[in-house]
């Protein structure tokens, strides 16, 4: 599903940003957007957070992909 891939990509980007904060004390989103408190940065943080919530639902899915089923 395309939404799963987009959410996963955004979550990976968010994780890399947190890695930069932890290792180098450098917030890439804040740097790109002109500060962590700007409306643009807040939108990015919100979208990445929503993507992470979507990825959380992927952990609890039990249905198999119909294209790969051997019925």
PDB file of N, CA and C in Angstrom:
ATOM      1  N   UNK A   1       0.852  -1.176   0.000  1.00  0.00           N
ATOM      2  CA  UNK A   1       0.000   0.000   0.000  1.00  0.00           C
ATOM      3  C   UNK A   1       0.900   1.244   0.000  1.00  0.00           C
ATOM      4  N   UNK A   2       0.584   2.169  -0.857  1.00  0.00           N
ATOM      5  CA  UNK A   2       1.417   3.368  -1.037  1.00  0.00           C
ATOM      6  C   UNK A   2       1.466   4.228   0.224  1.00  0.00           C
ATOM      7  N   UNK A   3       0.342   4.290   0.956  1.00  0.00           N
ATOM      8  CA  UNK A   3       0.315   5.090   2.187  1.00  0.00           C
ATOM      9  C   UNK A   3       1.280   4.516   3.226  1.00  0.00           C
ATOM     10  N   UNK A   4       1.392   3.203   3.268  1.00  0.00           N
ATOM     11  CA  UNK A   4       2.343   2.570   4.192  1.00  0.00           C
ATOM     12  C   UNK A   4       3.777   2.980   3.860  1.00  0.00           C
ATOM     13  N   UNK A   5       4.104   3.001   2.591  1.00  0.00           N
ATOM     14  CA  UNK A   5       5.464   3.361   2.179  1.00  0.00           C
ATOM     15  C   UNK A   5       5.769   4.827   2.464  1.00  0.00           C
ATOM     16  N   UNK A   6       4.794   5.693   2.233  1.00  0.00           N
ATOM     17  CA  UNK A   6       4.987   7.119   2.527  1.00  0.00           C
ATOM     18  C   UNK A   6       5.175   7.326   4.024  1.00  0.00           C
ATOM     19  N   UNK A   7       4.322   6.676   4.816  1.00  0.00           N
ATOM     20  CA  UNK A   7       4.428   6.797   6.270  1.00  0.00           C
ATOM     21  C   UNK A   7       5.754   6.257   6.771  1.00  0.00           C
ATOM     22  N   UNK A   8       6.189   5.146   6.216  1.00  0.00           N
ATOM     23  CA  UNK A   8       7.464   4.576   6.627  1.00  0.00           C
ATOM     24  C   UNK A   8       8.625   5.497   6.269  1.00  0.00           C
ATOM     25  N   UNK A   9       8.590   6.068   5.073  1.00  0.00           N
ATOM     26  CA  UNK A   9       9.644   7.005   4.667  1.00  0.00           C
ATOM     27  C   UNK A   9       9.690   8.226   5.589  1.00  0.00           C
ATOM     28  N   UNK A  10       8.523   8.777   5.911  1.00  0.00           N
ATOM     29  CA  UNK A  10       8.475   9.936   6.804  1.00  0.00           C
ATOM     30  C   UNK A  10       8.956   9.577   8.206  1.00  0.00           C
ATOM     31  N   UNK A  11       8.614   8.390   8.671  1.00  0.00           N
ATOM     32  CA  UNK A  11       9.071   7.955   9.993  1.00  0.00           C
ATOM     33  C   UNK A  11      10.582   7.764  10.016  1.00  0.00           C
ATOM     34  N   UNK A  12      11.131   7.249   8.934  1.00  0.00           N
ATOM     35  CA  UNK A  12      12.592   7.097   8.849  1.00  0.00           C
ATOM     36  C   UNK A  12      13.260   8.469   8.858  1.00  0.00           C
ATOM     37  N   UNK A  13      12.700   9.412   8.121  1.00  0.00           N
ATOM     38  CA  UNK A  13      13.240  10.780   8.124  1.00  0.00           C
ATOM     39  C   UNK A  13      13.186  11.362   9.533  1.00  0.00           C
ATOM     40  N   UNK A  14      12.066  11.152  10.222  1.00  0.00           N
ATOM     41  CA  UNK A  14      11.947  11.636  11.595  1.00  0.00           C
ATOM     42  C   UNK A  14      12.954  10.979  12.517  1.00  0.00           C
ATOM     43  N   UNK A  15      13.174   9.682  12.333  1.00  0.00           N
ATOM     44  CA  UNK A  15      14.164   8.979  13.140  1.00  0.00           C
ATOM     45  C   UNK A  15      15.578   9.478  12.886  1.00  0.00           C
ATOM     46  N   UNK A  16      15.878   9.748  11.625  1.00  0.00           N
ATOM     47  CA  UNK A  16      17.197  10.304  11.305  1.00  0.00           C
ATOM     48  C   UNK A  16      17.372  11.692  11.909  1.00  0.00           C
ATOM     49  N   UNK A  17      16.303  12.480  11.906  1.00  0.00           N
ATOM     50  CA  UNK A  17      16.381  13.804  12.525  1.00  0.00           C
ATOM     51  C   UNK A  17      16.641  13.679  14.027  1.00  0.00           C
ATOM     52  N   UNK A  18      15.946  12.730  14.682  1.00  0.00           N
ATOM     53  CA  UNK A  18      16.188  12.514  16.116  1.00  0.00           C
ATOM     54  C   UNK A  18      17.603  12.008  16.360  1.00  0.00           C
ATOM     55  N   UNK A  19      18.120  11.190  15.445  1.00  0.00           N
ATOM     56  CA  UNK A  19      19.503  10.748  15.561  1.00  0.00           C
ATOM     57  C   UNK A  19      20.481  11.903  15.482  1.00  0.00           C
ATOM     58  N   UNK A  20      20.203  12.845  14.574  1.00  0.00           N
ATOM     59  CA  UNK A  20      21.053  14.042  14.465  1.00  0.00           C
ATOM     60  C   UNK A  20      20.986  14.886  15.727  1.00  0.00           C
ATOM     61  N   UNK A  21      19.804  14.971  16.315  1.00  0.00           N
ATOM     62  CA  UNK A  21      19.662  15.729  17.562  1.00  0.00           C
ATOM     63  C   UNK A  21      20.455  15.053  18.674  1.00  0.00           C
ATOM     64  N   UNK A  22      20.320  13.734  18.780  1.00  0.00           N
ATOM     65  CA  UNK A  22      21.006  13.005  19.844  1.00  0.00           C
ATOM     66  C   UNK A  22      22.512  12.984  19.700  1.00  0.00           C
ATOM     67  N   UNK A  23      22.982  12.796  18.484  1.00  0.00           N
ATOM     68  CA  UNK A  23      24.425  12.667  18.288  1.00  0.00           C
ATOM     69  C   UNK A  23      25.153  14.001  18.146  1.00  0.00           C
ATOM     70  N   UNK A  24      24.511  14.934  17.451  1.00  0.00           N
ATOM     71  CA  UNK A  24      25.211  16.168  17.100  1.00  0.00           C
ATOM     72  C   UNK A  24      24.550  17.436  17.642  1.00  0.00           C
ATOM     73  N   UNK A  25      23.428  17.280  18.365  1.00  0.00           N
ATOM     74  CA  UNK A  25      22.658  18.414  18.863  1.00  0.00           C
ATOM     75  C   UNK A  25      22.280  19.343  17.704  1.00  0.00           C
ATOM     76  N   UNK A  26      21.876  18.728  16.589  1.00  0.00           N
ATOM     77  CA  UNK A  26      21.533  19.467  15.382  1.00  0.00           C
ATOM     78  C   UNK A  26      20.159  19.023  14.897  1.00  0.00           C
ATOM     79  N   UNK A  27      19.197  19.932  14.913  1.00  0.00           N
ATOM     80  CA  UNK A  27      17.835  19.655  14.468  1.00  0.00           C
ATOM     81  C   UNK A  27      17.716  20.087  13.009  1.00  0.00           C
ATOM     82  N   UNK A  28      17.732  19.120  12.106  1.00  0.00           N
ATOM     83  CA  UNK A  28      17.698  19.401  10.677  1.00  0.00           C
ATOM     84  C   UNK A  28      16.400  20.089  10.269  1.00  0.00           C
ATOM     85  N   UNK A  29      15.283  19.672  10.835  1.00  0.00           N
ATOM     86  CA  UNK A  29      13.999  20.296  10.500  1.00  0.00           C
ATOM     87  C   UNK A  29      14.010  21.767  10.907  1.00  0.00           C
ATOM     88  N   UNK A  30      14.487  22.060  12.096  1.00  0.00           N
ATOM     89  CA  UNK A  30      14.557  23.453  12.544  1.00  0.00           C
ATOM     90  C   UNK A  30      15.510  24.257  11.677  1.00  0.00           C
ATOM     91  N   UNK A  31      16.601  23.647  11.272  1.00  0.00           N
ATOM     92  CA  UNK A  31      17.572  24.330  10.420  1.00  0.00           C
ATOM     93  C   UNK A  31      16.954  24.682   9.067  1.00  0.00           C
ATOM     94  N   UNK A  32      16.250  23.718   8.471  1.00  0.00           N
ATOM     95  CA  UNK A  32      15.646  23.935   7.157  1.00  0.00           C
ATOM     96  C   UNK A  32      14.509  24.944   7.225  1.00  0.00           C
ATOM     97  N   UNK A  33      13.743  24.892   8.308  1.00  0.00           N
ATOM     98  CA  UNK A  33      12.525  25.713   8.377  1.00  0.00           C
ATOM     99  C   UNK A  33      12.715  27.054   9.076  1.00  0.00           C
ATOM    100  N   UNK A  34      13.894  27.328   9.569  1.00  0.00           N
ATOM    101  CA  UNK A  34      14.130  28.625  10.206  1.00  0.00           C
ATOM    102  C   UNK A  34      13.853  28.648  11.695  1.00  0.00           C
ATOM    103  N   UNK A  35      13.790  27.511  12.336  1.00  0.00           N
ATOM    104  CA  UNK A  35      13.580  27.434  13.777  1.00  0.00           C
ATOM    105  C   UNK A  35      12.518  26.418  14.115  1.00  0.00           C
ATOM    106  N   UNK A  36      12.648  25.818  15.298  1.00  0.00           N
ATOM    107  CA  UNK A  36      11.728  24.761  15.707  1.00  0.00           C
ATOM    108  C   UNK A  36      10.321  25.283  15.990  1.00  0.00           C
ATOM    109  N   UNK A  37      10.181  26.558  16.262  1.00  0.00           N
ATOM    110  CA  UNK A  37       8.879  27.107  16.602  1.00  0.00           C
ATOM    111  C   UNK A  37       8.104  27.707  15.439  1.00  0.00           C
ATOM    112  N   UNK A  38       8.664  27.651  14.235  1.00  0.00           N
ATOM    113  CA  UNK A  38       7.963  28.233  13.094  1.00  0.00           C
ATOM    114  C   UNK A  38       6.781  27.358  12.695  1.00  0.00           C
ATOM    115  N   UNK A  39       5.831  27.938  11.999  1.00  0.00           N
ATOM    116  CA  UNK A  39       4.651  27.166  11.585  1.00  0.00           C
ATOM    117  C   UNK A  39       5.041  26.054  10.625  1.00  0.00           C
ATOM    118  N   UNK A  40       6.042  26.302   9.777  1.00  0.00           N
ATOM    119  CA  UNK A  40       6.480  25.288   8.827  1.00  0.00           C
ATOM    120  C   UNK A  40       7.091  24.088   9.554  1.00  0.00           C
ATOM    121  N   UNK A  41       7.927  24.331  10.552  1.00  0.00           N
ATOM    122  CA  UNK A  41       8.530  23.246  11.333  1.00  0.00           C
ATOM    123  C   UNK A  41       7.459  22.465  12.074  1.00  0.00           C
ATOM    124  N   UNK A  42       6.494  23.161  12.634  1.00  0.00           N
ATOM    125  CA  UNK A  42       5.424  22.483  13.366  1.00  0.00           C
ATOM    126  C   UNK A  42       4.601  21.598  12.451  1.00  0.00           C
ATOM    127  N   UNK A  43       4.398  22.033  11.215  1.00  0.00           N
ATOM    128  CA  UNK A  43       3.677  21.195  10.244  1.00  0.00           C
ATOM    129  C   UNK A  43       4.490  19.942   9.936  1.00  0.00           C
ATOM    130  N   UNK A  44       5.792  20.111   9.735  1.00  0.00           N
ATOM    131  CA  UNK A  44       6.653  18.957   9.448  1.00  0.00           C
ATOM    132  C   UNK A  44       6.642  17.981  10.618  1.00  0.00           C
ATOM    133  N   UNK A  45       6.809  18.496  11.840  1.00  0.00           N
ATOM    134  CA  UNK A  45       6.791  17.630  13.021  1.00  0.00           C
ATOM    135  C   UNK A  45       5.456  16.901  13.144  1.00  0.00           C
ATOM    136  N   UNK A  46       4.364  17.583  12.862  1.00  0.00           N
ATOM    137  CA  UNK A  46       3.032  16.978  12.957  1.00  0.00           C
ATOM    138  C   UNK A  46       2.843  15.890  11.916  1.00  0.00           C
ATOM    139  N   UNK A  47       3.249  16.152  10.683  1.00  0.00           N
ATOM    140  CA  UNK A  47       3.107  15.155   9.611  1.00  0.00           C
ATOM    141  C   UNK A  47       3.957  13.917   9.919  1.00  0.00           C
ATOM    142  N   UNK A  48       5.168  14.119  10.390  1.00  0.00           N
ATOM    143  CA  UNK A  48       6.028  12.989  10.740  1.00  0.00           C
ATOM    144  C   UNK A  48       5.430  12.211  11.920  1.00  0.00           C
ATOM    145  N   UNK A  49       4.871  12.904  12.890  1.00  0.00           N
ATOM    146  CA  UNK A  49       4.225  12.237  14.021  1.00  0.00           C
ATOM    147  C   UNK A  49       3.012  11.426  13.587  1.00  0.00           C
ATOM    148  N   UNK A  50       2.209  11.963  12.690  1.00  0.00           N
ATOM    149  CA  UNK A  50       1.060  11.224  12.170  1.00  0.00           C
ATOM    150  C   UNK A  50       1.515  10.002  11.372  1.00  0.00           C
ATOM    151  N   UNK A  51       2.608  10.150  10.636  1.00  0.00           N
ATOM    152  CA  UNK A  51       3.158   9.018   9.895  1.00  0.00           C
ATOM    153  C   UNK A  51       3.603   7.915  10.857  1.00  0.00           C
ATOM    154  N   UNK A  52       4.203   8.303  11.966  1.00  0.00           N
ATOM    155  CA  UNK A  52       4.633   7.314  12.960  1.00  0.00           C
ATOM    156  C   UNK A  52       3.425   6.593  13.559  1.00  0.00           C
ATOM    157  N   UNK A  53       2.349   7.317  13.800  1.00  0.00           N
ATOM    158  CA  UNK A  53       1.131   6.669  14.291  1.00  0.00           C
ATOM    159  C   UNK A  53       0.592   5.678  13.264  1.00  0.00           C
ATOM    160  N   UNK A  54       0.639   6.040  11.995  1.00  0.00           N
ATOM    161  CA  UNK A  54       0.198   5.128  10.945  1.00  0.00           C
ATOM    162  C   UNK A  54       1.076   3.870  10.925  1.00  0.00           C
ATOM    163  N   UNK A  55       2.390   4.058  11.076  1.00  0.00           N
ATOM    164  CA  UNK A  55       3.298   2.914  11.103  1.00  0.00           C
ATOM    165  C   UNK A  55       3.024   2.014  12.307  1.00  0.00           C
ATOM    166  N   UNK A  56       2.573   2.590  13.385  1.00  0.00           N
ATOM    167  CA  UNK A  56       2.216   1.802  14.562  1.00  0.00           C
ATOM    168  C   UNK A  56       1.094   0.824  14.228  1.00  0.00           C
ATOM    169  N   UNK A  57       0.152   1.231  13.395  1.00  0.00           N
ATOM    170  CA  UNK A  57      -0.941   0.327  13.011  1.00  0.00           C
ATOM    171  C   UNK A  57      -0.423  -0.841  12.182  1.00  0.00           C
ATOM    172  N   UNK A  58       0.696  -0.656  11.489  1.00  0.00           N
ATOM    173  CA  UNK A  58       1.257  -1.735  10.672  1.00  0.00           C
ATOM    174  C   UNK A  58       1.749  -2.896  11.539  1.00  0.00           C
ATOM    175  N   UNK A  59       2.086  -2.625  12.790  1.00  0.00           N
ATOM    176  CA  UNK A  59       2.527  -3.680  13.698  1.00  0.00           C
ATOM    177  C   UNK A  59       1.412  -4.664  14.035  1.00  0.00           C
ATOM    178  N   UNK A  60       0.175  -4.201  14.011  1.00  0.00           N
ATOM    179  CA  UNK A  60      -0.942  -5.012  14.475  1.00  0.00           C
ATOM    180  C   UNK A  60      -1.816  -5.552  13.351  1.00  0.00           C
ATOM    181  N   UNK A  61      -1.411  -5.358  12.131  1.00  0.00           N
ATOM    182  CA  UNK A  61      -2.170  -5.899  11.010  1.00  0.00           C
ATOM    183  C   UNK A  61      -1.890  -7.391  10.880  1.00  0.00           C
ATOM    184  N   UNK A  62      -2.948  -8.151  10.612  1.00  0.00           N
ATOM    185  CA  UNK A  62      -2.783  -9.595  10.495  1.00  0.00           C
ATOM    186  C   UNK A  62      -3.109 -10.101   9.096  1.00  0.00           C
ATOM    187  N   UNK A  63      -3.803  -9.322   8.286  1.00  0.00           N
ATOM    188  CA  UNK A  63      -4.153  -9.813   6.964  1.00  0.00           C
ATOM    189  C   UNK A  63      -2.927  -9.901   6.072  1.00  0.00           C
ATOM    190  N   UNK A  64      -2.937 -10.910   5.257  1.00  0.00           N
ATOM    191  CA  UNK A  64      -1.837 -11.124   4.334  1.00  0.00           C
ATOM    192  C   UNK A  64      -2.090 -10.340   3.064  1.00  0.00           C
ATOM    193  N   UNK A  65      -1.030  -9.972   2.373  1.00  0.00           N
ATOM    194  CA  UNK A  65      -1.156  -9.276   1.111  1.00  0.00           C
ATOM    195  C   UNK A  65      -1.770 -10.234   0.090  1.00  0.00           C
ATOM    196  N   UNK A  66      -2.918  -9.886  -0.513  1.00  0.00           N
ATOM    197  CA  UNK A  66      -3.590 -10.819  -1.432  1.00  0.00           C
ATOM    198  C   UNK A  66      -2.741 -11.202  -2.652  1.00  0.00           C
ATOM    199  N   UNK A  67      -1.818 -10.364  -3.053  1.00  0.00           N
ATOM    200  CA  UNK A  67      -0.982 -10.668  -4.212  1.00  0.00           C
ATOM    201  C   UNK A  67      -0.008 -11.808  -3.920  1.00  0.00           C
ATOM    202  N   UNK A  68       0.298 -12.029  -2.631  1.00  0.00           N
ATOM    203  CA  UNK A  68       1.283 -13.037  -2.274  1.00  0.00           C
ATOM    204  C   UNK A  68       0.649 -14.283  -1.662  1.00  0.00           C
ATOM    205  N   UNK A  69      -0.654 -14.377  -1.616  1.00  0.00           N
ATOM    206  CA  UNK A  69      -1.272 -15.552  -1.032  1.00  0.00           C
ATOM    207  C   UNK A  69      -1.213 -16.721  -2.006  1.00  0.00           C
ATOM    208  N   UNK A  70      -1.098 -17.907  -1.473  1.00  0.00           N
ATOM    209  CA  UNK A  70      -0.986 -19.101  -2.304  1.00  0.00           C
ATOM    210  C   UNK A  70      -2.251 -19.935  -2.175  1.00  0.00           C
ATOM    211  N   UNK A  71      -3.367 -19.372  -2.587  1.00  0.00           N
ATOM    212  CA  UNK A  71      -4.646 -20.076  -2.454  1.00  0.00           C
ATOM    213  C   UNK A  71      -4.914 -21.000  -3.609  1.00  0.00           C
TER     214      UNK A  71
END
